[in-house]
Amino acid sequence: VQAKMEAVMEASSEVDGKSGGAASESDAGLNTRARAAVDGGVADLAALEIVLAEESCKGKRELTALREGRAAAVALPAAALAAALHERNRLRDQHRSMSHDLLGEIFASYRLPNFRGGSGGG
């Protein structure tokens, strides 16, 4: 079994070497953990697969927790932003309405003198 694992590790190293040495850190960590599992007494390939599957599940759970934490952290500011935008739009509409009404009152208050002797209307 150890010989099989060594062959798998060598093949994996060769594939990494052919890709220009651009193996990711997680791949390197996987190879290290697999070697440690073989050297540490995990003699059965099925047991090794179980160990690696458990590590994979743990990593996925950690990623899920991080995603949920990020979503929770973003939700509150996003809700506050939506409320602020709504309030801004309401105030802008109120300002426009008041300006329109006041402009009408200003124009109604204009009195232009009539040079012919009559009172001027606006």
Foldseek 3Di string as FASTA:
>chain_A
DVVVLVVVLVVLVVVCVVVVVPDDPVSVVLSVVLNCCVVVPVVDPVVSVVVVVVVVVVVVVVVVVVVVVVCVVVVVVVVVVVVVVVVVVVVVVVVVVVVVVVVVVVVQPDWDDDPVPDTGGD
